[in-house]
Protein backbone atom coordinates (compact mmCIF):
# COMPACT_ATOMS: atom_id res chain seq x y z
CA UNK A 1 -9.22 -1.12 -2.20
CA UNK A 2 -9.17 -0.77 -5.58
CA UNK A 3 -8.40 2.02 -7.97
CA UNK A 4 -9.90 2.12 -11.44
CA UNK A 5 -8.05 4.49 -13.59
CA UNK A 6 -9.44 5.77 -16.81
CA UNK A 7 -6.95 5.56 -19.40
CA UNK A 8 -7.85 8.73 -21.13
CA UNK A 9 -6.22 10.44 -17.96
CA UNK A 10 -3.05 12.41 -19.09
CA UNK A 11 0.14 10.66 -17.26
CA UNK A 12 -1.93 7.73 -15.65
CA UNK A 13 1.31 5.39 -15.62
CA UNK A 14 2.88 8.19 -13.36
CA UNK A 15 0.01 7.81 -10.97
CA UNK A 16 -0.04 3.83 -10.90
CA UNK A 17 3.67 4.47 -10.20
CA UNK A 18 2.69 6.16 -6.88
CA UNK A 19 -0.25 4.21 -5.77
CA UNK A 20 0.59 2.02 -2.75
CA UNK A 21 1.76 -1.69 -3.88
CA UNK A 22 -1.50 -3.67 -2.15
CA UNK A 23 -4.13 -1.11 -3.91
CA UNK A 24 -5.43 -3.31 -6.73
CA UNK A 25 -5.20 -0.99 -9.64
CA UNK A 26 -7.67 -1.10 -12.94
CA UNK A 27 -7.28 0.79 -15.99
CA UNK A 28 -10.42 1.34 -17.79
CA UNK A 29 -10.11 0.69 -21.68
CA UNK A 30 -11.66 3.47 -23.98
CA UNK A 31 -13.10 1.06 -26.52
CA UNK A 32 -15.39 -0.41 -23.87
CA UNK A 33 -18.24 0.85 -21.50
CA UNK A 34 -16.57 1.68 -17.94
CA UNK A 35 -19.33 0.95 -15.77
CA UNK A 36 -19.53 -2.19 -17.23
CA UNK A 37 -15.66 -3.08 -16.64
CA UNK A 38 -16.02 -1.54 -13.10
CA UNK A 39 -19.01 -3.84 -12.41
CA UNK A 40 -17.34 -6.69 -13.72
CA UNK A 41 -13.95 -6.05 -11.77
CA UNK A 42 -15.91 -5.65 -8.56
CA UNK A 43 -17.65 -8.81 -8.95
CA UNK A 44 -14.73 -10.32 -9.09
CA UNK A 45 -13.07 -8.89 -5.92
CA UNK A 46 -13.53 -10.11 -2.42
CA UNK A 47 -13.58 -7.83 0.67
CA UNK A 48 -13.38 -4.37 -1.34
CA UNK A 49 -13.56 -1.74 1.36
CA UNK A 50 -12.48 1.09 -0.92
CA UNK A 51 -13.35 2.02 -4.34
CA UNK A 52 -11.54 5.07 -5.99
CA UNK A 53 -12.11 6.23 -9.74
CA UNK A 54 -9.84 8.65 -11.52
CA UNK A 55 -11.19 9.93 -14.85
CA UNK A 56 -11.75 13.01 -16.34
CA UNK A 57 -14.89 15.26 -16.27
CA UNK A 58 -16.39 18.39 -14.97
CA UNK A 59 -16.08 19.34 -11.27
CA UNK A 60 -18.91 18.41 -9.01
CA UNK A 61 -20.95 17.21 -11.88
CA UNK A 62 -22.37 13.65 -12.35
CA UNK A 63 -23.68 12.61 -15.58
CA UNK A 64 -26.36 10.13 -15.76
CA UNK A 65 -28.25 8.82 -18.42
CA UNK A 66 -27.35 11.83 -20.56
CA UNK A 67 -28.39 14.23 -17.79
CA UNK A 68 -25.81 16.13 -16.21
CA UNK A 69 -26.42 16.97 -12.26
CA UNK A 70 -24.49 19.77 -10.41
CA UNK A 71 -23.54 20.94 -7.32
CA UNK A 72 -24.84 17.34 -5.68
CA UNK A 73 -22.74 18.06 -2.37
CA UNK A 74 -20.72 14.69 -3.69
CA UNK A 75 -17.28 13.58 -2.26
CA UNK A 76 -15.26 14.82 -5.11
CA UNK A 77 -11.62 15.52 -5.06
CA UNK A 78 -10.85 17.92 -8.13
CA UNK A 79 -7.76 18.99 -9.79
């Protein structure tokens, strides 16, 4: 399992302390393209069966190429 955490998420350090020690945690840097960071990390990993992303945004929406898609029935947990 690999977990990507957006460094802009409030108290993300606390989240890291709660993660299973066998999970690879990658902190996404705000001054770099997040998709590029995720792609690079996944390219360096073997046998990844689960990917989790913790980021900020709007519940049940997806942004792609500047277009916001809503209510796509995505499996998203929103707080």
